[in-house]
Amino acid sequence: MVMLTIINLYSLRLHLTTIYRYSRASLIQQLHGVSSDACTCAQHSPTLDIMEHIAMEVFYRESGTVYQKDFALEANGGTIVRSLTSDSSWLSEFIGDKPPELTIREGMQVGQCWMLRSASGQLGLSLSTPIHLTNITIIHIPPFMAFEEGQAPKEMILWGILDGTDNVRRHQTSNDTSFAQSNGPPVAGGYSYVQLARFTYNVLSKNRAQTFAIEPAIAKAGVDFGIVVLEVKSNWGARNTCLYRVQIHGEPVVYH
């Protein structure tokens, strides 16, 4: 019975994937040369909306659940640091406002992502409370649901702003060379940084929610961070990168 259910779910996924791909491709072909008003109406077709909703449900079941508190989540008090965040793509003028806050909000919908102006850029995050970081999670939609598969982020660096006398002291007394102070991301804002993690998001993986560990030396030193910056170095071949969800995990600081 269990095996039959698994087979049925797998068959449903393949069927939905085929239909979704065909419908999107057919829609784009039909709209080629059609007015923007007609394009907007067709993009909000009830049939496609229903298909998209079902496909997203399948996606959530397959992506893997992250059972860790997200300290970047807007609902928990996380915010975007605009002065440390790249400009949005100029395409936002045509596709509607897609602010960087989308990356820290609950829920995901196809197209509801923050589009960078180019393949690279950065996202400044003020966490809900200072934490000892343990992991970062990046979530992206399945390639078959994207209008352009190459827009998924690829190589990334997570930077932490070194702040507070206790943290500076812990950093200075650490003998681990991997915990060296750095100039940080391209837009540094005059702060001191340490590299927390360097990783690659694998768009070919079945797991859409991918979690990456912070450098062991960071945890060992006991330094806490309240502001981090995610630097996107590259994507999977598109002109622009789209970020859907960024989650920051760790343990809250206990003050004595």
C-alpha atoms as a PDB file:
ATOM      1  CA  MET A   1       0.000   0.000   0.000  1.00  0.00           C
ATOM      2  CA  VAL A   2       2.808   2.409   0.943  1.00  0.00           C
ATOM      3  CA  MET A   3       4.773   1.497  -2.189  1.00  0.00           C
ATOM      4  CA  LEU A   4       1.677   2.087  -4.331  1.00  0.00           C
ATOM      5  CA  THR A   5       1.206   5.534  -2.781  1.00  0.00           C
ATOM      6  CA  ILE A   6       4.836   6.451  -3.476  1.00  0.00           C
ATOM      7  CA  ILE A   7       4.509   5.308  -7.088  1.00  0.00           C
ATOM      8  CA  ASN A   8       1.295   7.295  -7.501  1.00  0.00           C
ATOM      9  CA  LEU A   9       2.883  10.458  -6.071  1.00  0.00           C
ATOM     10  CA  TYR A  10       5.900  10.031  -8.329  1.00  0.00           C
ATOM     11  CA  SER A  11       3.643   9.556 -11.363  1.00  0.00           C
ATOM     12  CA  LEU A  12       1.648  12.650 -10.381  1.00  0.00           C
ATOM     13  CA  ARG A  13       4.828  14.684 -10.190  1.00  0.00           C
ATOM     14  CA  LEU A  14       5.972  13.569 -13.641  1.00  0.00           C
ATOM     15  CA  HIS A  15       2.537  14.266 -15.064  1.00  0.00           C
ATOM     16  CA  LEU A  16       2.344  17.732 -13.514  1.00  0.00           C
ATOM     17  CA  THR A  17       5.867  18.527 -14.657  1.00  0.00           C
ATOM     18  CA  THR A  18       5.034  17.627 -18.260  1.00  0.00           C
ATOM     19  CA  ILE A  19       1.777  19.581 -18.269  1.00  0.00           C
ATOM     20  CA  TYR A  20       3.316  22.606 -16.561  1.00  0.00           C
ATOM     21  CA  ARG A  21       6.270  22.755 -18.951  1.00  0.00           C
ATOM     22  CA  TYR A  22       4.062  22.357 -22.012  1.00  0.00           C
ATOM     23  CA  SER A  23       1.537  24.951 -20.858  1.00  0.00           C
ATOM     24  CA  ARG A  24       4.144  27.564 -19.987  1.00  0.00           C
ATOM     25  CA  ALA A  25       6.055  27.014 -23.240  1.00  0.00           C
ATOM     26  CA  SER A  26       2.826  27.106 -25.249  1.00  0.00           C
ATOM     27  CA  LEU A  27       1.717  30.252 -23.469  1.00  0.00           C
ATOM     28  CA  ILE A  28       4.974  32.059 -24.205  1.00  0.00           C
ATOM     29  CA  GLN A  29       4.762  31.078 -27.875  1.00  0.00           C
ATOM     30  CA  GLN A  30       1.163  32.233 -28.147  1.00  0.00           C
ATOM     31  CA  LEU A  31       1.938  35.551 -26.499  1.00  0.00           C
ATOM     32  CA  HIS A  32       4.906  36.370 -28.717  1.00  0.00           C
ATOM     33  CA  GLY A  33       4.075  39.685 -30.307  1.00  0.00           C
ATOM     34  CA  VAL A  34       0.847  40.108 -28.333  1.00  0.00           C
ATOM     35  CA  SER A  35       0.134  43.296 -26.351  1.00  0.00           C
ATOM     36  CA  SER A  36       1.270  43.630 -22.744  1.00  0.00           C
ATOM     37  CA  ASP A  37      -2.362  43.747 -21.564  1.00  0.00           C
ATOM     38  CA  ALA A  38      -3.109  40.397 -23.175  1.00  0.00           C
ATOM     39  CA  CYS A  39       0.104  38.993 -21.727  1.00  0.00           C
ATOM     40  CA  THR A  40      -0.870  40.097 -18.236  1.00  0.00           C
ATOM     41  CA  CYS A  41      -4.321  38.518 -18.522  1.00  0.00           C
ATOM     42  CA  ALA A  42      -2.949  35.221 -19.804  1.00  0.00           C
ATOM     43  CA  GLN A  43      -0.283  35.063 -17.103  1.00  0.00           C
ATOM     44  CA  HIS A  44      -3.116  35.162 -14.563  1.00  0.00           C
ATOM     45  CA  SER A  45      -5.042  32.366 -16.218  1.00  0.00           C
ATOM     46  CA  PRO A  46      -7.051  30.437 -13.568  1.00  0.00           C
ATOM     47  CA  THR A  47      -5.944  27.150 -15.129  1.00  0.00           C
ATOM     48  CA  LEU A  48      -2.274  28.021 -14.846  1.00  0.00           C
ATOM     49  CA  ASP A  49      -2.791  29.349 -11.324  1.00  0.00           C
ATOM     50  CA  ILE A  50      -4.336  26.025 -10.236  1.00  0.00           C
ATOM     51  CA  MET A  51      -1.553  24.040 -11.929  1.00  0.00           C
ATOM     52  CA  GLU A  52       1.042  26.246 -10.295  1.00  0.00           C
ATOM     53  CA  HIS A  53      -0.533  25.760  -6.872  1.00  0.00           C
ATOM     54  CA  ILE A  54      -0.586  21.963  -7.245  1.00  0.00           C
ATOM     55  CA  ALA A  55       2.978  21.920  -8.555  1.00  0.00           C
ATOM     56  CA  MET A  56       4.128  24.030  -5.598  1.00  0.00           C
ATOM     57  CA  GLU A  57       2.469  21.578  -3.205  1.00  0.00           C
ATOM     58  CA  VAL A  58       4.450  18.743  -4.810  1.00  0.00           C
ATOM     59  CA  PHE A  59       7.567  20.908  -4.602  1.00  0.00           C
ATOM     60  CA  TYR A  60       7.130  21.543  -0.859  1.00  0.00           C
ATOM     61  CA  ARG A  61       6.704  17.813  -0.182  1.00  0.00           C
ATOM     62  CA  GLU A  62       9.887  17.022  -2.091  1.00  0.00           C
ATOM     63  CA  SER A  63      12.087  19.932  -1.040  1.00  0.00           C
ATOM     64  CA  GLY A  64      12.657  18.755   2.520  1.00  0.00           C
ATOM     65  CA  THR A  65      11.598  20.562   5.671  1.00  0.00           C
ATOM     66  CA  VAL A  66      14.073  22.671   7.628  1.00  0.00           C
ATOM     67  CA  TYR A  67      13.356  22.125  11.332  1.00  0.00           C
ATOM     68  CA  GLN A  68      15.421  25.064  12.551  1.00  0.00           C
ATOM     69  CA  LYS A  69      14.316  28.507  13.683  1.00  0.00           C
ATOM     70  CA  ASP A  70      14.863  31.186  11.077  1.00  0.00           C
ATOM     71  CA  PHE A  71      16.269  34.357  12.663  1.00  0.00           C
ATOM     72  CA  ALA A  72      16.117  36.257   9.364  1.00  0.00           C
ATOM     73  CA  LEU A  73      12.365  35.674   8.967  1.00  0.00           C
ATOM     74  CA  GLU A  74      10.466  38.951   8.764  1.00  0.00           C
ATOM     75  CA  ALA A  75       7.635  37.571  10.909  1.00  0.00           C
ATOM     76  CA  ASN A  76      10.189  36.865  13.670  1.00  0.00           C
ATOM     77  CA  GLY A  77      11.634  40.390  13.526  1.00  0.00           C
ATOM     78  CA  GLY A  78      14.261  40.042  10.793  1.00  0.00           C
ATOM     79  CA  THR A  79      14.729  42.992   8.426  1.00  0.00           C
ATOM     80  CA  ILE A  80      16.629  43.922   5.276  1.00  0.00           C
ATOM     81  CA  VAL A  81      19.583  46.302   5.657  1.00  0.00           C
ATOM     82  CA  ARG A  82      19.103  48.437   2.545  1.00  0.00           C
ATOM     83  CA  SER A  83      22.505  50.140   2.802  1.00  0.00           C
ATOM     84  CA  LEU A  84      24.165  46.696   2.491  1.00  0.00           C
ATOM     85  CA  THR A  85      21.808  45.390  -0.217  1.00  0.00           C
ATOM     86  CA  SER A  86      22.288  45.635  -3.988  1.00  0.00           C
ATOM     87  CA  ASP A  87      19.851  47.427  -6.260  1.00  0.00           C
ATOM     88  CA  SER A  88      16.985  45.440  -7.713  1.00  0.00           C
ATOM     89  CA  SER A  89      16.838  44.640 -11.423  1.00  0.00           C
ATOM     90  CA  TRP A  90      15.525  47.341 -13.752  1.00  0.00           C
ATOM     91  CA  LEU A  91      13.001  44.710 -14.847  1.00  0.00           C
ATOM     92  CA  SER A  92      11.105  45.478 -11.647  1.00  0.00           C
ATOM     93  CA  GLU A  93       9.638  48.465 -13.502  1.00  0.00           C
ATOM     94  CA  PHE A  94       7.840  46.030 -15.812  1.00  0.00           C
ATOM     95  CA  ILE A  95       7.170  42.973 -13.630  1.00  0.00           C
ATOM     96  CA  GLY A  96       6.006  44.890 -10.557  1.00  0.00           C
ATOM     97  CA  ASP A  97       7.632  45.605  -7.232  1.00  0.00           C
ATOM     98  CA  LYS A  98       9.695  42.617  -6.078  1.00  0.00           C
ATOM     99  CA  PRO A  99      11.522  43.930  -2.987  1.00  0.00           C
ATOM    100  CA  PRO A 100      14.365  42.073  -1.262  1.00  0.00           C
ATOM    101  CA  GLU A 101      11.986  41.509   1.679  1.00  0.00           C
ATOM    102  CA  LEU A 102      10.520  38.621  -0.340  1.00  0.00           C
ATOM    103  CA  THR A 103      13.607  36.592   0.599  1.00  0.00           C
ATOM    104  CA  ILE A 104      12.706  36.651   4.299  1.00  0.00           C
ATOM    105  CA  ARG A 105       8.930  36.212   4.087  1.00  0.00           C
ATOM    106  CA  GLU A 106       6.976  33.019   4.632  1.00  0.00           C
ATOM    107  CA  GLY A 107       5.594  31.127   1.642  1.00  0.00           C
ATOM    108  CA  MET A 108       6.805  30.938  -1.935  1.00  0.00           C
ATOM    109  CA  GLN A 109       5.176  31.510  -5.299  1.00  0.00           C
ATOM    110  CA  VAL A 110       6.665  31.214  -8.754  1.00  0.00           C
ATOM    111  CA  GLY A 111       7.995  34.610  -9.823  1.00  0.00           C
ATOM    112  CA  GLN A 112       7.747  36.074  -6.320  1.00  0.00           C
ATOM    113  CA  CYS A 113      11.493  36.465  -5.837  1.00  0.00           C
ATOM    114  CA  TRP A 114      13.981  39.287  -5.499  1.00  0.00           C
ATOM    115  CA  MET A 115      15.747  39.793  -8.828  1.00  0.00           C
ATOM    116  CA  LEU A 116      19.271  41.176  -8.689  1.00  0.00           C
ATOM    117  CA  ARG A 117      20.450  43.699 -11.280  1.00  0.00           C
ATOM    118  CA  SER A 118      23.013  41.181 -12.543  1.00  0.00           C
ATOM    119  CA  ALA A 119      24.224  37.662 -11.806  1.00  0.00           C
ATOM    120  CA  SER A 120      26.032  38.886  -8.677  1.00  0.00           C
ATOM    121  CA  GLY A 121      25.011  41.061  -5.763  1.00  0.00           C
ATOM    122  CA  GLN A 122      24.447  41.076  -2.026  1.00  0.00           C
ATOM    123  CA  LEU A 123      21.700  40.974   0.583  1.00  0.00           C
ATOM    124  CA  GLY A 124      22.087  42.615   4.002  1.00  0.00           C
ATOM    125  CA  LEU A 125      20.145  40.972   6.837  1.00  0.00           C
ATOM    126  CA  SER A 126      19.499  42.254  10.347  1.00  0.00           C
ATOM    127  CA  LEU A 127      18.560  39.261  12.480  1.00  0.00           C
ATOM    128  CA  SER A 128      15.737  39.272  14.996  1.00  0.00           C
ATOM    129  CA  THR A 129      18.316  38.896  17.794  1.00  0.00           C
ATOM    130  CA  PRO A 130      22.092  38.351  18.004  1.00  0.00           C
ATOM    131  CA  ILE A 131      22.874  34.653  17.616  1.00  0.00           C
ATOM    132  CA  HIS A 132      25.696  32.150  17.479  1.00  0.00           C
ATOM    133  CA  LEU A 133      25.294  31.104  13.853  1.00  0.00           C
ATOM    134  CA  THR A 134      25.202  27.436  12.906  1.00  0.00           C
ATOM    135  CA  ASN A 135      23.710  27.218   9.396  1.00  0.00           C
ATOM    136  CA  ILE A 136      22.283  29.081   6.427  1.00  0.00           C
ATOM    137  CA  THR A 137      19.532  27.682   4.188  1.00  0.00           C
ATOM    138  CA  ILE A 138      18.846  28.690   0.580  1.00  0.00           C
ATOM    139  CA  ILE A 139      15.551  27.674  -1.051  1.00  0.00           C
ATOM    140  CA  HIS A 140      14.797  27.948  -4.765  1.00  0.00           C
ATOM    141  CA  ILE A 141      11.954  26.683  -6.938  1.00  0.00           C
ATOM    142  CA  PRO A 142      12.389  23.578  -9.120  1.00  0.00           C
ATOM    143  CA  PRO A 143      14.008  24.310 -12.503  1.00  0.00           C
ATOM    144  CA  PHE A 144      10.950  23.083 -14.428  1.00  0.00           C
ATOM    145  CA  MET A 145       8.842  25.811 -12.770  1.00  0.00           C
ATOM    146  CA  ALA A 146      11.227  28.685 -13.497  1.00  0.00           C
ATOM    147  CA  PHE A 147      10.887  30.963 -16.508  1.00  0.00           C
ATOM    148  CA  GLU A 148      14.687  30.840 -16.774  1.00  0.00           C
ATOM    149  CA  GLU A 149      16.478  27.966 -15.038  1.00  0.00           C
ATOM    150  CA  GLY A 150      19.834  29.743 -14.878  1.00  0.00           C
ATOM    151  CA  GLN A 151      18.548  32.412 -12.472  1.00  0.00           C
ATOM    152  CA  ALA A 152      19.140  30.198  -9.436  1.00  0.00           C
ATOM    153  CA  PRO A 153      22.082  31.373  -7.284  1.00  0.00           C
ATOM    154  CA  LYS A 154      25.244  29.284  -7.424  1.00  0.00           C
ATOM    155  CA  GLU A 155      28.391  30.415  -5.570  1.00  0.00           C
ATOM    156  CA  MET A 156      27.772  32.410  -2.392  1.00  0.00           C
ATOM    157  CA  ILE A 157      29.568  33.776   0.669  1.00  0.00           C
ATOM    158  CA  LEU A 158      27.965  34.598   4.004  1.00  0.00           C
ATOM    159  CA  TRP A 159      29.661  37.470   5.820  1.00  0.00           C
ATOM    160  CA  GLY A 160      29.186  38.503   9.440  1.00  0.00           C
ATOM    161  CA  ILE A 161      29.751  42.005  10.814  1.00  0.00           C
ATOM    162  CA  LEU A 162      32.181  41.884  13.720  1.00  0.00           C
ATOM    163  CA  ASP A 163      30.720  44.175  16.365  1.00  0.00           C
ATOM    164  CA  GLY A 164      31.024  44.641  20.136  1.00  0.00           C
ATOM    165  CA  THR A 165      34.086  44.608  22.403  1.00  0.00           C
ATOM    166  CA  ASP A 166      33.505  41.015  23.547  1.00  0.00           C
ATOM    167  CA  ASN A 167      33.280  39.757  19.977  1.00  0.00           C
ATOM    168  CA  VAL A 168      36.377  41.695  18.928  1.00  0.00           C
ATOM    169  CA  ARG A 169      38.265  40.186  21.898  1.00  0.00           C
ATOM    170  CA  ARG A 170      37.121  36.653  21.008  1.00  0.00           C
ATOM    171  CA  HIS A 171      38.208  37.205  17.437  1.00  0.00           C
ATOM    172  CA  GLN A 172      41.612  38.542  18.443  1.00  0.00           C
ATOM    173  CA  THR A 173      42.292  35.618  20.789  1.00  0.00           C
ATOM    174  CA  SER A 174      41.341  33.031  18.179  1.00  0.00           C
ATOM    175  CA  ASN A 175      44.358  31.312  16.645  1.00  0.00           C
ATOM    176  CA  ASP A 176      42.405  29.758  13.763  1.00  0.00           C
ATOM    177  CA  THR A 177      43.573  31.285  10.461  1.00  0.00           C
ATOM    178  CA  SER A 178      40.218  30.470   8.830  1.00  0.00           C
ATOM    179  CA  PHE A 179      38.651  33.003  11.198  1.00  0.00           C
ATOM    180  CA  ALA A 180      40.621  35.917   9.772  1.00  0.00           C
ATOM    181  CA  GLN A 181      39.149  39.403   9.509  1.00  0.00           C
ATOM    182  CA  SER A 182      38.248  40.472   5.972  1.00  0.00           C
ATOM    183  CA  ASN A 183      37.220  43.456   3.890  1.00  0.00           C
ATOM    184  CA  GLY A 184      33.901  41.713   3.369  1.00  0.00           C
ATOM    185  CA  PRO A 185      31.442  42.048   0.480  1.00  0.00           C
ATOM    186  CA  PRO A 186      31.724  44.629  -2.339  1.00  0.00           C
ATOM    187  CA  VAL A 187      29.510  47.094  -0.436  1.00  0.00           C
ATOM    188  CA  ALA A 188      30.963  46.900   3.072  1.00  0.00           C
ATOM    189  CA  GLY A 189      29.619  50.100   4.615  1.00  0.00           C
ATOM    190  CA  GLY A 190      32.811  50.624   6.603  1.00  0.00           C
ATOM    191  CA  TYR A 191      32.229  47.617   8.876  1.00  0.00           C
ATOM    192  CA  SER A 192      34.644  44.848   9.838  1.00  0.00           C
ATOM    193  CA  TYR A 193      33.732  41.390   8.541  1.00  0.00           C
ATOM    194  CA  VAL A 194      34.558  37.737   8.974  1.00  0.00           C
ATOM    195  CA  GLN A 195      33.682  35.068   6.432  1.00  0.00           C
ATOM    196  CA  LEU A 196      31.110  32.740   7.970  1.00  0.00           C
ATOM    197  CA  ALA A 197      30.618  30.304   5.087  1.00  0.00           C
ATOM    198  CA  ARG A 198      31.417  29.819   1.426  1.00  0.00           C
ATOM    199  CA  PHE A 199      29.177  27.386  -0.456  1.00  0.00           C
ATOM    200  CA  THR A 200      27.516  26.406  -3.735  1.00  0.00           C
ATOM    201  CA  TYR A 201      23.795  25.954  -4.249  1.00  0.00           C
ATOM    202  CA  ASN A 202      23.228  22.928  -6.485  1.00  0.00           C
ATOM    203  CA  VAL A 203      20.289  23.639  -8.781  1.00  0.00           C
ATOM    204  CA  LEU A 204      20.502  20.045 -10.074  1.00  0.00           C
ATOM    205  CA  SER A 205      19.826  18.569  -6.640  1.00  0.00           C
ATOM    206  CA  LYS A 206      16.398  17.125  -5.860  1.00  0.00           C
ATOM    207  CA  ASN A 207      16.514  18.945  -2.533  1.00  0.00           C
ATOM    208  CA  ARG A 208      15.395  22.527  -3.165  1.00  0.00           C
ATOM    209  CA  ALA A 209      16.058  23.610   0.432  1.00  0.00           C
ATOM    210  CA  GLN A 210      19.815  23.301   0.918  1.00  0.00           C
ATOM    211  CA  THR A 211      21.461  23.981   4.282  1.00  0.00           C
ATOM    212  CA  PHE A 212      25.141  24.878   4.688  1.00  0.00           C
ATOM    213  CA  ALA A 213      27.202  24.882   7.872  1.00  0.00           C
ATOM    214  CA  ILE A 214      29.060  27.868   9.297  1.00  0.00           C
ATOM    215  CA  GLU A 215      32.858  27.626   9.564  1.00  0.00           C
ATOM    216  CA  PRO A 216      33.728  25.523  12.661  1.00  0.00           C
ATOM    217  CA  ALA A 217      36.149  28.182  13.899  1.00  0.00           C
ATOM    218  CA  ILE A 218      33.268  30.651  14.225  1.00  0.00           C
ATOM    219  CA  ALA A 219      31.321  28.386  16.562  1.00  0.00           C
ATOM    220  CA  LYS A 220      34.467  27.524  18.509  1.00  0.00           C
ATOM    221  CA  ALA A 221      35.297  31.191  19.138  1.00  0.00           C
ATOM    222  CA  GLY A 222      31.827  31.912  20.505  1.00  0.00           C
ATOM    223  CA  VAL A 223      31.354  35.091  18.472  1.00  0.00           C
ATOM    224  CA  ASP A 224      27.762  36.209  17.939  1.00  0.00           C
ATOM    225  CA  PHE A 225      26.325  38.193  15.031  1.00  0.00           C
ATOM    226  CA  GLY A 226      23.327  40.469  14.609  1.00  0.00           C
ATOM    227  CA  ILE A 227      23.892  41.536  10.999  1.00  0.00           C
ATOM    228  CA  VAL A 228      25.028  39.296   8.148  1.00  0.00           C
ATOM    229  CA  VAL A 229      25.461  39.818   4.425  1.00  0.00           C
ATOM    230  CA  LEU A 230      24.850  37.167   1.787  1.00  0.00           C
ATOM    231  CA  GLU A 231      27.059  37.793  -1.232  1.00  0.00           C
ATOM    232  CA  VAL A 232      25.972  36.088  -4.457  1.00  0.00           C
ATOM    233  CA  LYS A 233      29.058  35.525  -6.595  1.00  0.00           C
ATOM    234  CA  SER A 234      27.408  33.789  -9.566  1.00  0.00           C
ATOM    235  CA  ASN A 235      24.355  31.949 -10.838  1.00  0.00           C
ATOM    236  CA  TRP A 236      23.664  29.048 -13.211  1.00  0.00           C
ATOM    237  CA  GLY A 237      23.991  30.964 -16.480  1.00  0.00           C
ATOM    238  CA  ALA A 238      21.353  33.706 -16.606  1.00  0.00           C
ATOM    239  CA  ARG A 239      21.875  37.453 -16.860  1.00  0.00           C
ATOM    240  CA  ASN A 240      20.139  38.031 -13.520  1.00  0.00           C
ATOM    241  CA  THR A 241      19.916  36.058 -10.279  1.00  0.00           C
ATOM    242  CA  CYS A 242      16.632  35.509  -8.428  1.00  0.00           C
ATOM    243  CA  LEU A 243      16.618  34.867  -4.684  1.00  0.00           C
ATOM    244  CA  TYR A 244      13.512  33.200  -3.271  1.00  0.00           C
ATOM    245  CA  ARG A 245      14.247  32.351   0.368  1.00  0.00           C
ATOM    246  CA  VAL A 246      17.195  32.878   2.696  1.00  0.00           C
ATOM    247  CA  GLN A 247      17.107  31.465   6.222  1.00  0.00           C
ATOM    248  CA  ILE A 248      19.645  32.018   9.004  1.00  0.00           C
ATOM    249  CA  HIS A 249      19.888  29.518  11.859  1.00  0.00           C
ATOM    250  CA  GLY A 250      21.668  29.480  15.185  1.00  0.00           C
ATOM    251  CA  GLU A 251      21.353  29.787  18.945  1.00  0.00           C
ATOM    252  CA  PRO A 252      20.279  33.043  20.638  1.00  0.00           C
ATOM    253  CA  VAL A 253      22.843  34.772  22.810  1.00  0.00           C
ATOM    254  CA  VAL A 254      22.290  34.206  26.549  1.00  0.00           C
ATOM    255  CA  TYR A 255      23.282  37.271  28.517  1.00  0.00           C
ATOM    256  CA  HIS A 256      24.466  36.748  32.085  1.00  0.00           C
END
